[in-house]
Amino acid sequence: MVGWILPSSRTLVDEVVRRIDWHRARVIVEYGPGMGAFTSVLLKRMRPEAKLVAMETSEDFCHFLNSSLRDERLRVIHESAAEIDTVLPRLGYAKADYVISGIPFRPLSHRLRDAIVRKTHAVLQPQGRFLVYQFTSHALPYLRNVFGQVSRDFELLNILPAQLFCCAR
């Protein structure tokens, strides 16, 4: 149900969200928010008119997020990241500016990994970014196959050290 038993460190969260242009970010999507380590920081930094769509497959996490993070800019959706292409239009958004994902790619089937990456690419605005943090490099070939050039960084001050991939549309 979860990618890792410990929440992401504040250092990892800060390292990922520093790649967001907060003046340009109007629609942000988060895949697998879990307990909300990223979600709460995103809400604090977002502009008042921006929207955050948090897609979570665990009904328990959805209930937790809805009860603990009361913000009208947040929409918690109990669906898979593979449904992003139907979720955004249903909510009235044409495209996303940023998609953030910490869902572990390694245990997913090839078909599901491919669908998530391709659909994410399709829903991003031109100049949009897919920001992915992982504990292995397993996602990299899928990201490069769809996005082409992918920048890669490391955050060592996390348990486990994380790899960060920034994919530009």
N, C-alpha and C. Protein backbone atom coordinates (compact mmCIF):
# COMPACT_ATOMS: atom_id res chain seq x y z
N MET A 1 0.80 -1.21 0.00
CA MET A 1 0.00 0.00 0.00
C MET A 1 0.84 1.26 0.00
N VAL A 2 2.03 1.21 0.60
CA VAL A 2 2.86 2.41 0.64
C VAL A 2 4.19 2.11 -0.03
N GLY A 3 4.81 3.20 -0.58
CA GLY A 3 6.09 3.04 -1.24
C GLY A 3 7.23 2.82 -0.27
N TRP A 4 7.10 3.36 0.94
CA TRP A 4 8.13 3.24 1.95
C TRP A 4 7.49 3.42 3.30
N ILE A 5 7.98 2.72 4.30
CA ILE A 5 7.32 2.75 5.61
C ILE A 5 7.52 4.06 6.37
N LEU A 6 8.53 4.85 6.01
CA LEU A 6 8.76 6.14 6.65
C LEU A 6 8.35 7.25 5.69
N PRO A 7 7.82 8.35 6.22
CA PRO A 7 7.48 9.46 5.33
C PRO A 7 8.74 10.09 4.75
N SER A 8 8.57 10.77 3.63
CA SER A 8 9.70 11.46 3.00
C SER A 8 10.24 12.52 3.96
N SER A 9 11.56 12.67 3.96
CA SER A 9 12.19 13.67 4.83
C SER A 9 11.88 15.07 4.33
N ARG A 10 11.96 16.02 5.22
CA ARG A 10 11.74 17.42 4.84
C ARG A 10 12.76 17.85 3.79
N THR A 11 13.98 17.32 3.89
CA THR A 11 15.02 17.64 2.92
C THR A 11 14.62 17.15 1.53
N LEU A 12 14.10 15.94 1.44
CA LEU A 12 13.65 15.40 0.15
C LEU A 12 12.49 16.22 -0.39
N VAL A 13 11.52 16.53 0.45
CA VAL A 13 10.38 17.33 0.01
C VAL A 13 10.86 18.67 -0.54
N ASP A 14 11.73 19.34 0.21
CA ASP A 14 12.24 20.65 -0.23
C ASP A 14 13.01 20.54 -1.54
N GLU A 15 13.78 19.48 -1.68
CA GLU A 15 14.57 19.29 -2.90
C GLU A 15 13.68 19.09 -4.12
N VAL A 16 12.57 18.40 -3.97
CA VAL A 16 11.65 18.19 -5.09
C VAL A 16 10.88 19.48 -5.39
N VAL A 17 10.30 20.10 -4.38
CA VAL A 17 9.44 21.26 -4.65
C VAL A 17 10.20 22.52 -5.05
N ARG A 18 11.50 22.55 -4.84
CA ARG A 18 12.26 23.72 -5.29
C ARG A 18 12.30 23.81 -6.81
N ARG A 19 11.93 22.75 -7.49
CA ARG A 19 11.90 22.71 -8.95
C ARG A 19 10.59 23.26 -9.53
N ILE A 20 9.71 23.71 -8.66
CA ILE A 20 8.42 24.25 -9.10
C ILE A 20 8.51 25.76 -9.22
N ASP A 21 8.05 26.28 -10.34
CA ASP A 21 7.91 27.72 -10.54
C ASP A 21 6.54 28.09 -9.97
N TRP A 22 6.52 28.61 -8.76
CA TRP A 22 5.28 28.86 -8.04
C TRP A 22 4.42 29.93 -8.69
N HIS A 23 5.02 30.84 -9.46
CA HIS A 23 4.23 31.87 -10.15
C HIS A 23 3.47 31.29 -11.34
N ARG A 24 4.00 30.23 -11.92
CA ARG A 24 3.40 29.60 -13.10
C ARG A 24 2.48 28.43 -12.75
N ALA A 25 2.67 27.83 -11.59
CA ALA A 25 1.95 26.61 -11.22
C ALA A 25 0.50 26.91 -10.86
N ARG A 26 -0.42 26.48 -11.74
CA ARG A 26 -1.84 26.68 -11.48
C ARG A 26 -2.54 25.36 -11.16
N VAL A 27 -2.10 24.27 -11.81
CA VAL A 27 -2.66 22.95 -11.53
C VAL A 27 -1.49 22.01 -11.26
N ILE A 28 -1.46 21.48 -10.04
CA ILE A 28 -0.42 20.54 -9.62
C ILE A 28 -1.12 19.23 -9.29
N VAL A 29 -0.51 18.13 -9.72
CA VAL A 29 -1.04 16.80 -9.42
C VAL A 29 0.00 16.07 -8.59
N GLU A 30 -0.46 15.37 -7.59
CA GLU A 30 0.42 14.53 -6.78
C GLU A 30 -0.09 13.10 -6.83
N TYR A 31 0.78 12.19 -7.26
CA TYR A 31 0.44 10.77 -7.27
C TYR A 31 0.90 10.14 -5.96
N GLY A 32 0.01 9.43 -5.29
CA GLY A 32 0.37 8.69 -4.08
C GLY A 32 0.76 9.58 -2.93
N PRO A 33 -0.10 10.50 -2.51
CA PRO A 33 0.26 11.41 -1.41
C PRO A 33 0.42 10.75 -0.05
N GLY A 34 -0.13 9.55 0.13
CA GLY A 34 0.03 8.86 1.41
C GLY A 34 -0.46 9.69 2.56
N MET A 35 0.43 9.97 3.52
CA MET A 35 0.08 10.73 4.71
C MET A 35 0.22 12.24 4.52
N GLY A 36 0.63 12.68 3.33
CA GLY A 36 0.62 14.10 3.02
C GLY A 36 1.90 14.87 3.26
N ALA A 37 3.06 14.20 3.32
CA ALA A 37 4.32 14.91 3.55
C ALA A 37 4.56 15.98 2.48
N PHE A 38 4.29 15.66 1.23
CA PHE A 38 4.42 16.63 0.15
C PHE A 38 3.19 17.52 0.07
N THR A 39 2.04 16.94 0.26
CA THR A 39 0.77 17.65 0.09
C THR A 39 0.71 18.90 0.95
N SER A 40 1.06 18.79 2.20
CA SER A 40 0.98 19.95 3.10
C SER A 40 1.95 21.05 2.68
N VAL A 41 3.14 20.68 2.23
CA VAL A 41 4.11 21.69 1.77
C VAL A 41 3.63 22.34 0.48
N LEU A 42 3.09 21.56 -0.43
CA LEU A 42 2.56 22.12 -1.67
C LEU A 42 1.47 23.15 -1.37
N LEU A 43 0.56 22.81 -0.48
CA LEU A 43 -0.52 23.72 -0.15
C LEU A 43 0.01 25.02 0.48
N LYS A 44 1.05 24.92 1.29
CA LYS A 44 1.63 26.13 1.91
C LYS A 44 2.26 27.05 0.89
N ARG A 45 2.84 26.47 -0.17
CA ARG A 45 3.59 27.27 -1.14
C ARG A 45 2.79 27.69 -2.36
N MET A 46 1.67 27.03 -2.60
CA MET A 46 0.87 27.33 -3.79
C MET A 46 0.23 28.72 -3.70
N ARG A 47 0.00 29.29 -4.88
CA ARG A 47 -0.72 30.55 -4.97
C ARG A 47 -2.19 30.31 -4.58
N PRO A 48 -2.88 31.35 -4.15
CA PRO A 48 -4.28 31.18 -3.71
C PRO A 48 -5.20 30.61 -4.78
N GLU A 49 -4.93 30.91 -6.04
CA GLU A 49 -5.80 30.43 -7.12
C GLU A 49 -5.38 29.07 -7.70
N ALA A 50 -4.26 28.54 -7.24
CA ALA A 50 -3.77 27.25 -7.74
C ALA A 50 -4.61 26.11 -7.16
N LYS A 51 -4.57 24.96 -7.84
CA LYS A 51 -5.30 23.77 -7.41
C LYS A 51 -4.34 22.60 -7.29
N LEU A 52 -4.61 21.72 -6.33
CA LEU A 52 -3.82 20.51 -6.11
C LEU A 52 -4.73 19.31 -6.19
N VAL A 53 -4.42 18.40 -7.11
CA VAL A 53 -5.17 17.15 -7.26
C VAL A 53 -4.28 16.05 -6.72
N ALA A 54 -4.69 15.42 -5.64
CA ALA A 54 -3.93 14.34 -5.00
C ALA A 54 -4.62 13.02 -5.32
N MET A 55 -3.94 12.17 -6.08
CA MET A 55 -4.52 10.89 -6.50
C MET A 55 -3.93 9.77 -5.66
N GLU A 56 -4.80 9.08 -4.96
CA GLU A 56 -4.38 8.06 -3.99
C GLU A 56 -5.26 6.82 -4.15
N THR A 57 -4.63 5.64 -4.16
CA THR A 57 -5.40 4.40 -4.31
C THR A 57 -5.90 3.84 -2.98
N SER A 58 -5.35 4.30 -1.87
CA SER A 58 -5.78 3.82 -0.56
C SER A 58 -6.93 4.68 -0.04
N GLU A 59 -8.05 4.03 0.19
CA GLU A 59 -9.21 4.74 0.72
C GLU A 59 -8.91 5.32 2.10
N ASP A 60 -8.14 4.60 2.92
CA ASP A 60 -7.78 5.09 4.25
C ASP A 60 -6.97 6.38 4.16
N PHE A 61 -5.99 6.42 3.26
CA PHE A 61 -5.20 7.64 3.09
C PHE A 61 -6.07 8.79 2.57
N CYS A 62 -6.99 8.49 1.68
CA CYS A 62 -7.90 9.53 1.18
C CYS A 62 -8.69 10.15 2.32
N HIS A 63 -9.24 9.31 3.20
CA HIS A 63 -10.00 9.81 4.35
C HIS A 63 -9.09 10.63 5.26
N PHE A 64 -7.89 10.13 5.50
CA PHE A 64 -6.96 10.86 6.35
C PHE A 64 -6.65 12.24 5.78
N LEU A 65 -6.33 12.30 4.50
CA LEU A 65 -5.99 13.59 3.87
C LEU A 65 -7.17 14.54 3.91
N ASN A 66 -8.35 14.04 3.59
CA ASN A 66 -9.53 14.91 3.60
C ASN A 66 -9.85 15.45 4.99
N SER A 67 -9.57 14.66 6.02
CA SER A 67 -9.88 15.12 7.37
C SER A 67 -8.77 15.98 7.97
N SER A 68 -7.53 15.77 7.55
CA SER A 68 -6.42 16.50 8.18
C SER A 68 -5.97 17.74 7.40
N LEU A 69 -6.23 17.78 6.11
CA LEU A 69 -5.81 18.92 5.29
C LEU A 69 -7.03 19.59 4.68
N ARG A 70 -7.61 20.45 5.44
CA ARG A 70 -8.81 21.14 4.96
C ARG A 70 -8.40 22.40 4.22
N ASP A 71 -8.49 22.31 2.90
CA ASP A 71 -8.10 23.43 2.03
C ASP A 71 -8.93 23.29 0.75
N GLU A 72 -9.65 24.32 0.40
CA GLU A 72 -10.53 24.21 -0.77
C GLU A 72 -9.77 24.09 -2.09
N ARG A 73 -8.47 24.32 -2.07
CA ARG A 73 -7.66 24.14 -3.28
C ARG A 73 -7.28 22.68 -3.51
N LEU A 74 -7.49 21.83 -2.51
CA LEU A 74 -7.11 20.42 -2.57
C LEU A 74 -8.29 19.55 -2.97
N ARG A 75 -8.05 18.68 -3.95
CA ARG A 75 -9.02 17.66 -4.34
C ARG A 75 -8.34 16.31 -4.20
N VAL A 76 -8.80 15.51 -3.25
CA VAL A 76 -8.27 14.16 -3.04
C VAL A 76 -9.13 13.21 -3.86
N ILE A 77 -8.49 12.48 -4.75
CA ILE A 77 -9.19 11.58 -5.67
C ILE A 77 -8.77 10.15 -5.40
N HIS A 78 -9.73 9.29 -5.14
CA HIS A 78 -9.46 7.88 -4.86
C HIS A 78 -9.41 7.10 -6.18
N GLU A 79 -8.31 7.29 -6.91
CA GLU A 79 -8.11 6.61 -8.19
C GLU A 79 -6.62 6.45 -8.44
N SER A 80 -6.31 5.58 -9.38
CA SER A 80 -4.93 5.32 -9.77
C SER A 80 -4.38 6.46 -10.62
N ALA A 81 -3.07 6.65 -10.55
CA ALA A 81 -2.40 7.63 -11.41
C ALA A 81 -2.62 7.31 -12.89
N ALA A 82 -2.90 6.07 -13.21
CA ALA A 82 -3.15 5.68 -14.60
C ALA A 82 -4.45 6.27 -15.14
N GLU A 83 -5.24 6.88 -14.27
CA GLU A 83 -6.51 7.48 -14.69
C GLU A 83 -6.41 9.00 -14.82
N ILE A 84 -5.21 9.55 -14.78
CA ILE A 84 -5.04 11.00 -14.81
C ILE A 84 -5.69 11.64 -16.03
N ASP A 85 -5.68 10.94 -17.15
CA ASP A 85 -6.25 11.51 -18.39
C ASP A 85 -7.76 11.67 -18.33
N THR A 86 -8.44 10.96 -17.45
CA THR A 86 -9.88 11.15 -17.29
C THR A 86 -10.21 12.00 -16.06
N VAL A 87 -9.34 11.95 -15.07
CA VAL A 87 -9.59 12.71 -13.83
C VAL A 87 -9.51 14.21 -14.07
N LEU A 88 -8.45 14.68 -14.72
CA LEU A 88 -8.31 16.13 -14.91
C LEU A 88 -9.50 16.74 -15.66
N PRO A 89 -9.91 16.20 -16.80
CA PRO A 89 -11.06 16.80 -17.48
C PRO A 89 -12.34 16.74 -16.64
N ARG A 90 -12.51 15.66 -15.90
CA ARG A 90 -13.69 15.53 -15.04
C ARG A 90 -13.73 16.64 -13.99
N LEU A 91 -12.55 17.08 -13.54
CA LEU A 91 -12.47 18.16 -12.54
C LEU A 91 -12.51 19.55 -13.18
N GLY A 92 -12.48 19.57 -14.52
CA GLY A 92 -12.54 20.85 -15.22
C GLY A 92 -11.19 21.45 -15.57
N TYR A 93 -10.13 20.66 -15.52
CA TYR A 93 -8.80 21.14 -15.84
C TYR A 93 -8.34 20.53 -17.16
N ALA A 94 -7.88 21.38 -18.06
CA ALA A 94 -7.42 20.88 -19.36
C ALA A 94 -6.07 20.18 -19.23
N LYS A 95 -5.16 20.78 -18.49
CA LYS A 95 -3.79 20.26 -18.38
C LYS A 95 -3.26 20.55 -16.97
N ALA A 96 -2.14 19.90 -16.65
CA ALA A 96 -1.43 20.16 -15.38
C ALA A 96 -0.12 20.85 -15.69
N ASP A 97 0.32 21.67 -14.76
CA ASP A 97 1.62 22.33 -14.89
C ASP A 97 2.73 21.46 -14.32
N TYR A 98 2.42 20.76 -13.23
CA TYR A 98 3.39 19.88 -12.57
C TYR A 98 2.68 18.62 -12.10
N VAL A 99 3.38 17.51 -12.23
CA VAL A 99 2.93 16.26 -11.63
C VAL A 99 4.09 15.76 -10.78
N ILE A 100 3.82 15.43 -9.53
CA ILE A 100 4.83 14.94 -8.59
C ILE A 100 4.47 13.51 -8.23
N SER A 101 5.46 12.64 -8.29
CA SER A 101 5.19 11.23 -8.00
C SER A 101 6.30 10.58 -7.20
N GLY A 102 5.88 9.89 -6.15
CA GLY A 102 6.79 9.05 -5.40
C GLY A 102 6.33 7.60 -5.42
N ILE A 103 5.32 7.32 -6.25
CA ILE A 103 4.85 5.93 -6.31
C ILE A 103 5.99 5.05 -6.81
N PRO A 104 6.22 3.94 -6.16
CA PRO A 104 7.34 3.08 -6.56
C PRO A 104 7.07 2.40 -7.90
N PHE A 105 7.95 2.61 -8.86
CA PHE A 105 7.77 2.03 -10.19
C PHE A 105 8.13 0.56 -10.24
N ARG A 106 9.09 0.15 -9.44
CA ARG A 106 9.61 -1.22 -9.54
C ARG A 106 8.53 -2.31 -9.41
N PRO A 107 7.63 -2.26 -8.43
CA PRO A 107 6.65 -3.36 -8.33
C PRO A 107 5.50 -3.28 -9.33
N LEU A 108 5.38 -2.20 -10.07
CA LEU A 108 4.30 -2.06 -11.04
C LEU A 108 4.58 -2.88 -12.28
N SER A 109 3.53 -3.34 -12.93
CA SER A 109 3.71 -4.06 -14.19
C SER A 109 4.23 -3.10 -15.25
N HIS A 110 4.88 -3.66 -16.25
CA HIS A 110 5.39 -2.85 -17.36
C HIS A 110 4.25 -2.03 -17.97
N ARG A 111 3.13 -2.67 -18.16
CA ARG A 111 1.98 -2.00 -18.79
C ARG A 111 1.49 -0.81 -17.96
N LEU A 112 1.42 -0.98 -16.65
CA LEU A 112 0.96 0.10 -15.78
C LEU A 112 1.98 1.23 -15.72
N ARG A 113 3.25 0.90 -15.58
CA ARG A 113 4.31 1.93 -15.58
C ARG A 113 4.23 2.76 -16.86
N ASP A 114 4.15 2.06 -17.98
CA ASP A 114 4.11 2.73 -19.28
C ASP A 114 2.88 3.63 -19.39
N ALA A 115 1.73 3.15 -18.95
CA ALA A 115 0.50 3.94 -19.02
C ALA A 115 0.62 5.20 -18.17
N ILE A 116 1.14 5.07 -16.97
CA ILE A 116 1.27 6.24 -16.09
C ILE A 116 2.19 7.29 -16.71
N VAL A 117 3.33 6.87 -17.23
CA VAL A 117 4.28 7.83 -17.80
C VAL A 117 3.71 8.47 -19.05
N ARG A 118 3.13 7.69 -19.93
CA ARG A 118 2.57 8.24 -21.18
C ARG A 118 1.39 9.18 -20.92
N LYS A 119 0.51 8.79 -20.02
CA LYS A 119 -0.64 9.64 -19.73
C LYS A 119 -0.21 10.91 -19.00
N THR A 120 0.80 10.80 -18.17
CA THR A 120 1.32 12.00 -17.50
C THR A 120 1.88 12.97 -18.53
N HIS A 121 2.66 12.47 -19.46
CA HIS A 121 3.21 13.31 -20.53
C HIS A 121 2.08 14.00 -21.28
N ALA A 122 1.03 13.27 -21.58
CA ALA A 122 -0.09 13.81 -22.36
C ALA A 122 -0.85 14.91 -21.63
N VAL A 123 -0.94 14.84 -20.30
CA VAL A 123 -1.72 15.85 -19.57
C VAL A 123 -0.91 17.07 -19.15
N LEU A 124 0.38 17.06 -19.37
CA LEU A 124 1.20 18.21 -18.98
C LEU A 124 1.09 19.35 -20.00
N GLN A 125 1.06 20.56 -19.49
CA GLN A 125 1.14 21.75 -20.32
C GLN A 125 2.48 21.75 -21.05
N PRO A 126 2.58 22.46 -22.18
CA PRO A 126 3.93 22.69 -22.72
C PRO A 126 4.76 23.38 -21.63
N GLN A 127 5.98 23.01 -21.48
CA GLN A 127 6.87 23.47 -20.41
C GLN A 127 6.53 22.87 -19.06
N GLY A 128 5.57 21.95 -19.00
CA GLY A 128 5.21 21.28 -17.75
C GLY A 128 6.31 20.33 -17.31
N ARG A 129 6.26 19.91 -16.06
CA ARG A 129 7.29 19.03 -15.50
C ARG A 129 6.66 17.86 -14.75
N PHE A 130 7.28 16.70 -14.93
CA PHE A 130 6.94 15.50 -14.15
C PHE A 130 8.12 15.30 -13.21
N LEU A 131 7.89 15.49 -11.91
CA LEU A 131 8.93 15.39 -10.89
C LEU A 131 8.75 14.08 -10.14
N VAL A 132 9.74 13.21 -10.28
CA VAL A 132 9.64 11.85 -9.76
C VAL A 132 10.76 11.61 -8.75
N TYR A 133 10.41 11.09 -7.59
CA TYR A 133 11.44 10.69 -6.62
C TYR A 133 11.27 9.20 -6.35
N GLN A 134 12.39 8.49 -6.36
CA GLN A 134 12.42 7.04 -6.25
C GLN A 134 13.63 6.61 -5.42
N PHE A 135 13.62 5.37 -5.00
CA PHE A 135 14.75 4.82 -4.25
C PHE A 135 15.62 3.93 -5.12
N THR A 136 15.22 3.73 -6.37
CA THR A 136 16.01 2.99 -7.35
C THR A 136 15.95 3.76 -8.67
N SER A 137 16.73 3.33 -9.63
CA SER A 137 16.69 3.96 -10.95
C SER A 137 15.77 3.21 -11.91
N HIS A 138 14.93 2.33 -11.38
CA HIS A 138 14.06 1.49 -12.20
C HIS A 138 13.15 2.30 -13.12
N ALA A 139 12.72 3.47 -12.71
CA ALA A 139 11.80 4.29 -13.51
C ALA A 139 12.50 4.99 -14.68
N LEU A 140 13.79 5.16 -14.60
CA LEU A 140 14.51 5.98 -15.57
C LEU A 140 14.30 5.57 -17.02
N PRO A 141 14.40 4.29 -17.40
CA PRO A 141 14.17 3.94 -18.81
C PRO A 141 12.77 4.31 -19.30
N TYR A 142 11.76 4.16 -18.46
CA TYR A 142 10.39 4.51 -18.85
C TYR A 142 10.26 6.02 -19.03
N LEU A 143 10.87 6.77 -18.13
CA LEU A 143 10.82 8.22 -18.21
C LEU A 143 11.54 8.72 -19.46
N ARG A 144 12.72 8.20 -19.73
CA ARG A 144 13.49 8.60 -20.91
C ARG A 144 12.79 8.20 -22.21
N ASN A 145 12.15 7.06 -22.21
CA ASN A 145 11.46 6.59 -23.41
C ASN A 145 10.36 7.55 -23.83
N VAL A 146 9.67 8.15 -22.87
CA VAL A 146 8.55 9.03 -23.18
C VAL A 146 8.97 10.50 -23.21
N PHE A 147 9.77 10.93 -22.26
CA PHE A 147 10.12 12.34 -22.14
C PHE A 147 11.42 12.72 -22.85
N GLY A 148 12.19 11.73 -23.26
CA GLY A 148 13.48 12.04 -23.87
C GLY A 148 14.50 12.29 -22.79
N GLN A 149 15.04 13.50 -22.79
CA GLN A 149 16.06 13.83 -21.80
C GLN A 149 15.44 14.04 -20.42
N VAL A 150 16.02 13.39 -19.43
CA VAL A 150 15.54 13.47 -18.05
C VAL A 150 16.72 13.84 -17.18
N SER A 151 16.58 14.93 -16.41
CA SER A 151 17.67 15.27 -15.49
C SER A 151 17.54 14.41 -14.25
N ARG A 152 18.68 14.13 -13.64
CA ARG A 152 18.72 13.21 -12.50
C ARG A 152 19.58 13.80 -11.40
N ASP A 153 19.05 13.80 -10.19
CA ASP A 153 19.78 14.27 -9.01
C ASP A 153 19.60 13.24 -7.91
N PHE A 154 20.33 13.46 -6.81
CA PHE A 154 20.25 12.56 -5.67
C PHE A 154 20.02 13.38 -4.41
N GLU A 155 19.23 12.84 -3.50
CA GLU A 155 19.07 13.42 -2.17
C GLU A 155 19.52 12.38 -1.18
N LEU A 156 20.71 12.61 -0.63
CA LEU A 156 21.31 11.63 0.27
C LEU A 156 20.79 11.74 1.70
N LEU A 157 20.20 12.90 2.05
CA LEU A 157 19.71 13.10 3.41
C LEU A 157 18.27 12.64 3.55
N ASN A 158 18.03 11.45 3.17
CA ASN A 158 16.72 10.81 3.29
C ASN A 158 17.00 9.36 3.65
N ILE A 159 16.08 8.74 4.36
CA ILE A 159 16.23 7.31 4.66
C ILE A 159 15.24 6.61 3.74
N LEU A 160 15.61 5.98 2.85
CA LEU A 160 16.77 5.71 2.03
C LEU A 160 17.13 6.92 1.17
N PRO A 161 18.41 7.01 0.73
CA PRO A 161 18.73 8.08 -0.22
C PRO A 161 17.83 7.97 -1.46
N ALA A 162 17.40 9.11 -1.97
CA ALA A 162 16.45 9.12 -3.07
C ALA A 162 17.07 9.66 -4.35
N GLN A 163 16.55 9.18 -5.46
CA GLN A 163 16.91 9.70 -6.76
C GLN A 163 15.76 10.59 -7.23
N LEU A 164 16.10 11.73 -7.80
CA LEU A 164 15.10 12.67 -8.28
C LEU A 164 15.23 12.79 -9.79
N PHE A 165 14.11 12.65 -10.47
CA PHE A 165 14.10 12.76 -11.92
C PHE A 165 13.18 13.91 -12.30
N CYS A 166 13.68 14.82 -13.12
CA CYS A 166 12.88 15.94 -13.59
C CYS A 166 12.68 15.74 -15.10
N CYS A 167 11.44 15.55 -15.48
CA CYS A 167 11.08 15.27 -16.88
C CYS A 167 10.34 16.47 -17.44
N ALA A 168 10.89 17.09 -18.47
CA ALA A 168 10.28 18.27 -19.08
C ALA A 168 9.42 17.88 -20.26
N ARG A 169 8.28 18.50 -20.38
CA ARG A 169 7.37 18.27 -21.52
C ARG A 169 7.91 19.02 -22.70
